Amino acid sequence: AYIAELHARALEKHKELVLEQALITPKLILKRVFGKDTEMRTLLGTMREGIKEMEILAGIDYSPVTINRYKNVVKKLQLLIPSYYGKEDVTFHELTPEFIRAFDIYLKTEAGLCRNTIVRYMKCFKKFTNMALAKEWMRKNPFYGYKMEQDETDPVFLTYDELQTVMKKKFTIPRLELVRDVFVFACFTGLSYIDIKTLTHDKIQRMDFDGEEWIITRRTKTRVSSNVPLMEIAKELIERYKGLAGGDLVFPMPSNSVCNRHLKQIAKACGIHKEIGFHLSRHTFATTVYLCNGGTIEALSKILG
């Protein structure tokens, strides 16, 4: 009687797995029969769980930018999966190389993303399929044969004359002036947006070996040490905004999107015909400010973290 009951339960669980389009194995049926595997592993559900864990470790193991990229991947998958599969979510077993190619085409055409951004999105996606393979939630690798080749890009930076034009331009709108000043500070320190946003006065220290002020910090993105000597222009900007930011923060920073939007206005007002974003300041520091003034690649690597 007991064996007959188990047999009937096994058949019932087998039917459930067929409806779920899961990869059916004796091991999986045993787990379902004895109540050890009640949760079905789906792609979007698993990705959302992973993102929640990342958010707990935000600023420790993951930067906000990285977490936001994973969220964007989920949003894009949410839009494609219903049209491709006809349902809201899929099991890992249902993922195929054909869907990976379809997602690549979708990111290129519908989302309008460049090749390098698509590769970064696909790496986020692949992290979860690799985990599913390791945990035996799927058997075949859907990324098999898919090549993640990035396009080579030439870094854009401001020339000495363009940087001087931005520095000397007068703005009557306070927010534009703030964004310009913070951007110039980045051009003379090489710090990224998030590192300036979180920069506090206690990270500015006078060093014994040269008697000069340095920014002693770690990059938020990689946690790598970044030690930056302060030039006079950077010191003046720090003094200009002293006490205007909350707590011990050095600058009252707007959001990254606001900065990038205002930088486009600033570039237009200065007659600069380049695609300017905040990250361009790191390239400007590396090329125009540091290397063109006799700095070495080795020292630049340490400063940029």
Protein backbone atom coordinates (compact mmCIF):
# COMPACT_ATOMS: atom_id res chain seq x y z
CA ALA A 1 0.00 0.00 0.00
CA TYR A 2 2.85 2.39 0.89
CA ILE A 3 4.68 1.70 -2.40
CA ALA A 4 1.44 2.19 -4.35
CA GLU A 5 0.91 5.56 -2.62
CA LEU A 6 4.46 6.67 -3.49
CA HIS A 7 3.95 5.50 -7.07
CA ALA A 8 0.79 7.60 -7.41
CA ARG A 9 2.51 10.64 -5.87
CA ALA A 10 5.49 10.23 -8.23
CA LEU A 11 3.17 10.21 -11.25
CA GLU A 12 1.44 13.35 -9.95
CA LYS A 13 4.75 15.17 -9.48
CA HIS A 14 5.86 14.03 -12.94
CA LYS A 15 2.76 15.66 -14.46
CA GLU A 16 3.50 18.91 -12.56
CA LEU A 17 7.06 18.96 -13.91
CA VAL A 18 5.79 18.38 -17.46
CA LEU A 19 3.49 21.40 -17.10
CA GLU A 20 6.41 23.45 -15.77
CA GLN A 21 8.51 22.36 -18.77
CA ALA A 22 11.25 21.45 -16.31
CA LEU A 23 14.18 19.13 -16.99
CA ILE A 24 12.83 15.91 -15.43
CA THR A 25 15.27 13.61 -13.65
CA PRO A 26 14.75 10.82 -11.09
CA LYS A 27 16.54 13.00 -8.53
CA LEU A 28 14.10 15.89 -9.09
CA ILE A 29 11.05 13.61 -8.85
CA LEU A 30 12.35 12.18 -5.55
CA LYS A 31 12.78 15.71 -4.18
CA ARG A 32 9.21 16.61 -5.15
CA VAL A 33 7.73 13.36 -3.80
CA PHE A 34 9.39 13.79 -0.39
CA GLY A 35 8.73 17.54 -0.19
CA LYS A 36 12.35 18.67 -0.43
CA ASP A 37 11.97 20.84 -3.53
CA THR A 38 8.76 22.80 -3.32
CA GLU A 39 10.10 25.95 -4.99
CA MET A 40 10.38 26.13 -8.77
CA ARG A 41 13.51 27.98 -9.94
CA THR A 42 12.69 30.57 -12.59
CA LEU A 43 15.00 33.00 -14.33
CA LEU A 44 13.48 36.34 -13.31
CA GLY A 45 12.57 35.11 -9.82
CA THR A 46 16.15 33.97 -9.20
CA MET A 47 17.60 37.20 -10.61
CA ARG A 48 15.38 39.33 -8.35
CA GLU A 49 16.52 37.29 -5.32
CA GLY A 50 20.14 37.79 -6.35
CA ILE A 51 19.67 41.55 -6.72
CA LYS A 52 18.16 41.74 -3.21
CA GLU A 53 21.28 40.05 -1.84
CA MET A 54 23.46 42.51 -3.77
CA GLU A 55 21.55 45.45 -2.28
CA ILE A 56 22.35 44.17 1.22
CA LEU A 57 26.05 44.26 0.23
CA ALA A 58 25.81 47.63 -1.57
CA GLY A 59 28.95 49.67 -0.96
CA ILE A 60 30.75 46.57 0.34
CA ASP A 61 30.91 44.00 -2.47
CA TYR A 62 28.79 45.78 -5.08
CA SER A 63 28.64 49.39 -6.24
CA PRO A 64 25.22 51.05 -6.83
CA VAL A 65 26.09 51.30 -10.54
CA THR A 66 26.62 47.52 -10.78
CA ILE A 67 23.36 46.76 -8.96
CA ASN A 68 21.49 49.17 -11.24
CA ARG A 69 22.91 47.37 -14.29
CA TYR A 70 21.50 44.04 -13.05
CA LYS A 71 18.13 45.72 -12.49
CA ASN A 72 18.19 47.04 -16.06
CA VAL A 73 18.88 43.52 -17.37
CA VAL A 74 15.81 42.22 -15.49
CA LYS A 75 13.67 45.05 -16.90
CA LYS A 76 14.76 44.22 -20.46
CA LEU A 77 14.13 40.49 -19.94
CA GLN A 78 10.68 41.27 -18.52
CA LEU A 79 9.82 42.96 -21.82
CA LEU A 80 11.17 40.23 -24.11
CA ILE A 81 10.18 36.99 -22.32
CA PRO A 82 6.36 37.43 -22.70
CA SER A 83 6.63 38.06 -26.45
CA TYR A 84 9.13 35.22 -27.00
CA TYR A 85 7.72 32.54 -24.66
CA GLY A 86 4.14 33.73 -24.17
CA LYS A 87 4.40 33.83 -20.36
CA GLU A 88 5.76 36.08 -17.60
CA ASP A 89 8.75 33.98 -16.52
CA VAL A 90 10.61 30.84 -17.59
CA THR A 91 12.52 28.02 -15.94
CA PHE A 92 16.26 27.88 -16.56
CA HIS A 93 15.74 24.70 -18.57
CA GLU A 94 13.73 26.65 -21.16
CA LEU A 95 16.61 29.01 -21.97
CA THR A 96 18.17 28.26 -25.34
CA PRO A 97 20.95 29.69 -27.52
CA GLU A 98 18.17 30.98 -29.79
CA PHE A 99 16.72 33.07 -26.95
CA ILE A 100 20.18 34.46 -26.11
CA ARG A 101 20.56 35.59 -29.72
CA ALA A 102 17.04 37.05 -29.67
CA PHE A 103 17.90 39.00 -26.50
CA ASP A 104 21.09 40.29 -28.14
CA ILE A 105 19.10 41.52 -31.16
CA TYR A 106 16.45 43.06 -28.87
CA LEU A 107 19.09 45.03 -26.91
CA LYS A 108 20.61 46.24 -30.18
CA THR A 109 17.40 47.20 -31.99
CA GLU A 110 14.54 47.87 -29.54
CA ALA A 111 16.68 49.09 -26.62
CA GLY A 112 19.17 50.88 -28.89
CA LEU A 113 22.23 49.89 -26.85
CA CYS A 114 25.79 49.93 -28.15
CA ARG A 115 27.86 46.74 -28.45
CA ASN A 116 29.91 47.33 -25.30
CA THR A 117 26.82 47.96 -23.15
CA ILE A 118 25.19 44.81 -24.56
CA VAL A 119 28.26 42.77 -23.56
CA ARG A 120 28.08 44.17 -20.00
CA TYR A 121 24.36 43.25 -19.80
CA MET A 122 25.04 39.76 -21.13
CA LYS A 123 27.76 39.19 -18.52
CA CYS A 124 25.20 39.99 -15.80
CA PHE A 125 22.74 37.56 -17.41
CA LYS A 126 25.40 34.84 -17.78
CA LYS A 127 26.32 35.06 -14.10
CA PHE A 128 22.90 33.60 -13.24
CA THR A 129 22.94 30.90 -15.93
CA ASN A 130 26.37 29.79 -14.69
CA MET A 131 24.96 29.55 -11.17
CA ALA A 132 21.99 27.52 -12.48
CA LEU A 133 24.36 25.13 -14.26
CA ALA A 134 26.43 24.73 -11.09
CA LYS A 135 23.31 23.98 -9.03
CA GLU A 136 21.93 21.60 -11.68
CA TRP A 137 18.83 23.70 -12.36
CA MET A 138 19.64 23.30 -16.04
CA ARG A 139 21.79 20.95 -18.07
CA LYS A 140 22.73 22.82 -21.26
CA ASN A 141 24.54 26.15 -21.38
CA PRO A 142 22.37 28.62 -23.39
CA PHE A 143 25.41 30.87 -23.90
CA TYR A 144 27.28 28.13 -25.77
CA GLY A 145 28.65 29.66 -28.98
CA TYR A 146 27.76 33.22 -28.01
CA LYS A 147 30.77 35.54 -28.28
CA MET A 148 31.10 38.55 -25.97
CA GLU A 149 33.40 40.71 -28.05
CA GLN A 150 33.52 44.41 -27.25
CA ASP A 151 34.21 47.13 -29.81
CA GLU A 152 37.44 49.01 -29.32
CA THR A 153 36.78 52.65 -28.49
CA ASP A 154 39.05 55.65 -28.44
CA PRO A 155 38.76 57.45 -25.08
CA VAL A 156 37.36 60.97 -25.44
CA PHE A 157 38.94 63.73 -23.37
CA LEU A 158 39.11 67.52 -23.24
CA THR A 159 42.18 69.22 -24.64
CA TYR A 160 44.02 71.85 -22.58
CA ASP A 161 42.24 74.71 -24.42
CA GLU A 162 38.81 73.07 -24.04
CA LEU A 163 39.39 72.51 -20.32
CA GLN A 164 40.45 76.15 -19.90
CA THR A 165 37.30 77.30 -21.74
CA VAL A 166 35.09 75.27 -19.37
CA MET A 167 36.94 76.62 -16.32
CA LYS A 168 36.67 80.28 -17.38
CA LYS A 169 33.05 80.21 -18.59
CA LYS A 170 30.67 82.26 -16.41
CA PHE A 171 27.27 80.76 -15.60
CA THR A 172 24.37 82.65 -14.02
CA ILE A 173 22.49 79.45 -13.09
CA PRO A 174 23.87 78.12 -9.75
CA ARG A 175 23.25 74.45 -10.62
CA LEU A 176 25.25 74.74 -13.87
CA GLU A 177 28.09 76.42 -12.01
CA LEU A 178 28.09 73.66 -9.37
CA VAL A 179 28.18 70.88 -11.97
CA ARG A 180 30.96 72.69 -13.87
CA ASP A 181 33.02 73.08 -10.68
CA VAL A 182 32.60 69.44 -9.65
CA PHE A 183 33.49 68.33 -13.20
CA VAL A 184 36.64 70.49 -13.14
CA PHE A 185 37.51 69.02 -9.71
CA ALA A 186 37.22 65.54 -11.28
CA CYS A 187 39.45 66.63 -14.18
CA PHE A 188 42.18 67.61 -11.71
CA THR A 189 41.86 64.61 -9.39
CA GLY A 190 40.75 61.72 -11.63
CA LEU A 191 38.05 60.72 -9.13
CA SER A 192 34.86 59.12 -10.47
CA TYR A 193 31.37 60.55 -9.88
CA ILE A 194 30.54 58.21 -6.99
CA ASP A 195 33.94 58.79 -5.32
CA ILE A 196 33.38 62.57 -5.37
CA LYS A 197 29.78 62.19 -4.21
CA THR A 198 30.94 60.21 -1.15
CA LEU A 199 34.14 62.22 -0.57
CA THR A 200 34.39 63.51 3.00
CA HIS A 201 36.83 65.99 4.56
CA ASP A 202 38.41 63.31 6.75
CA LYS A 203 39.77 61.64 3.56
CA ILE A 204 41.85 64.77 2.84
CA GLN A 205 45.11 64.40 4.76
CA ARG A 206 48.42 66.26 4.90
CA MET A 207 51.24 63.81 4.26
CA ASP A 208 54.50 63.86 6.24
CA PHE A 209 56.77 62.93 3.31
CA ASP A 210 55.96 66.05 1.22
CA GLY A 211 53.88 68.27 3.50
CA GLU A 212 51.12 68.42 0.85
CA GLU A 213 47.42 67.54 1.06
CA TRP A 214 46.32 64.26 -0.51
CA ILE A 215 42.99 62.49 -0.92
CA ILE A 216 43.49 59.06 0.68
CA THR A 217 40.58 56.80 -0.19
CA ARG A 218 39.42 53.59 -1.84
CA ARG A 219 37.41 53.47 -5.04
CA THR A 220 33.75 52.73 -4.33
CA LYS A 221 33.50 50.55 -7.45
CA THR A 222 36.52 48.28 -6.92
CA ARG A 223 37.62 48.98 -3.31
CA VAL A 224 41.15 49.52 -4.69
CA SER A 225 43.30 52.14 -2.93
CA SER A 226 43.38 55.54 -4.70
CA ASN A 227 45.73 58.25 -3.39
CA VAL A 228 45.47 61.61 -5.16
CA PRO A 229 47.74 64.65 -4.66
CA LEU A 230 45.66 67.84 -4.46
CA MET A 231 46.51 70.56 -6.98
CA GLU A 232 45.81 74.20 -6.18
CA ILE A 233 42.70 74.32 -8.39
CA ALA A 234 41.23 71.33 -6.54
CA LYS A 235 42.02 72.93 -3.16
CA GLU A 236 40.26 76.16 -4.21
CA LEU A 237 37.13 74.24 -5.23
CA ILE A 238 37.06 72.35 -1.93
CA GLU A 239 37.29 75.65 -0.05
CA ARG A 240 34.59 77.23 -2.24
CA TYR A 241 32.00 74.63 -1.23
CA LYS A 242 33.06 74.14 2.36
CA GLY A 243 30.03 73.80 4.64
CA LEU A 244 27.51 73.72 1.77
CA ALA A 245 27.14 69.91 1.69
CA GLY A 246 25.49 67.84 4.39
CA GLY A 247 27.56 66.31 7.19
CA ASP A 248 31.25 65.96 6.42
CA LEU A 249 30.73 65.75 2.64
CA VAL A 250 32.97 67.94 0.47
CA PHE A 251 30.48 68.74 -2.34
CA PRO A 252 26.66 69.05 -2.53
CA MET A 253 26.51 66.63 -5.49
CA PRO A 254 23.44 66.39 -7.79
CA SER A 255 22.57 62.96 -9.21
CA ASN A 256 24.72 61.47 -11.96
CA SER A 257 21.96 61.89 -14.56
CA VAL A 258 21.51 65.56 -13.62
CA CYS A 259 25.29 66.11 -13.89
CA ASN A 260 25.43 64.51 -17.33
CA ARG A 261 22.43 66.51 -18.53
CA HIS A 262 23.96 69.79 -17.36
CA LEU A 263 27.37 68.88 -18.80
CA LYS A 264 25.78 68.71 -22.25
CA GLN A 265 24.48 72.28 -21.72
CA ILE A 266 27.91 73.37 -20.50
CA ALA A 267 29.65 71.85 -23.51
CA LYS A 268 27.22 73.57 -25.87
CA ALA A 269 27.72 76.92 -24.13
CA CYS A 270 31.50 76.48 -24.43
CA GLY A 271 31.35 75.51 -28.11
CA ILE A 272 32.70 72.00 -27.44
CA HIS A 273 31.39 69.45 -29.93
CA LYS A 274 32.09 66.24 -28.02
CA GLU A 275 29.84 63.72 -26.30
CA ILE A 276 30.54 64.85 -22.75
CA GLY A 277 29.62 62.83 -19.67
CA PHE A 278 31.05 62.86 -16.16
CA HIS A 279 33.32 59.87 -16.86
CA LEU A 280 35.14 61.95 -19.50
CA SER A 281 36.77 63.84 -16.60
CA ARG A 282 38.86 60.74 -15.71
CA HIS A 283 40.16 60.53 -19.29
CA THR A 284 40.90 64.28 -19.22
CA PHE A 285 42.83 63.94 -15.96
CA ALA A 286 44.81 60.96 -17.26
CA THR A 287 45.71 62.53 -20.62
CA THR A 288 45.58 66.33 -20.52
CA VAL A 289 46.37 66.97 -16.87
CA TYR A 290 48.70 64.15 -15.85
CA LEU A 291 50.50 62.39 -18.71
CA CYS A 292 50.95 65.57 -20.78
CA ASN A 293 52.70 67.15 -17.79
CA GLY A 294 55.30 64.42 -17.37
CA GLY A 295 53.46 61.94 -15.15
CA THR A 296 54.23 58.24 -15.47
CA ILE A 297 51.79 55.44 -16.36
CA GLU A 298 52.73 53.59 -13.15
CA ALA A 299 51.90 56.58 -10.91
CA LEU A 300 48.72 57.30 -12.92
CA SER A 301 47.55 53.73 -12.36
CA LYS A 302 47.91 54.18 -8.58
CA ILE A 303 46.16 57.55 -8.56
CA LEU A 304 43.21 56.32 -10.62
CA GLY A 305 42.89 53.23 -8.40
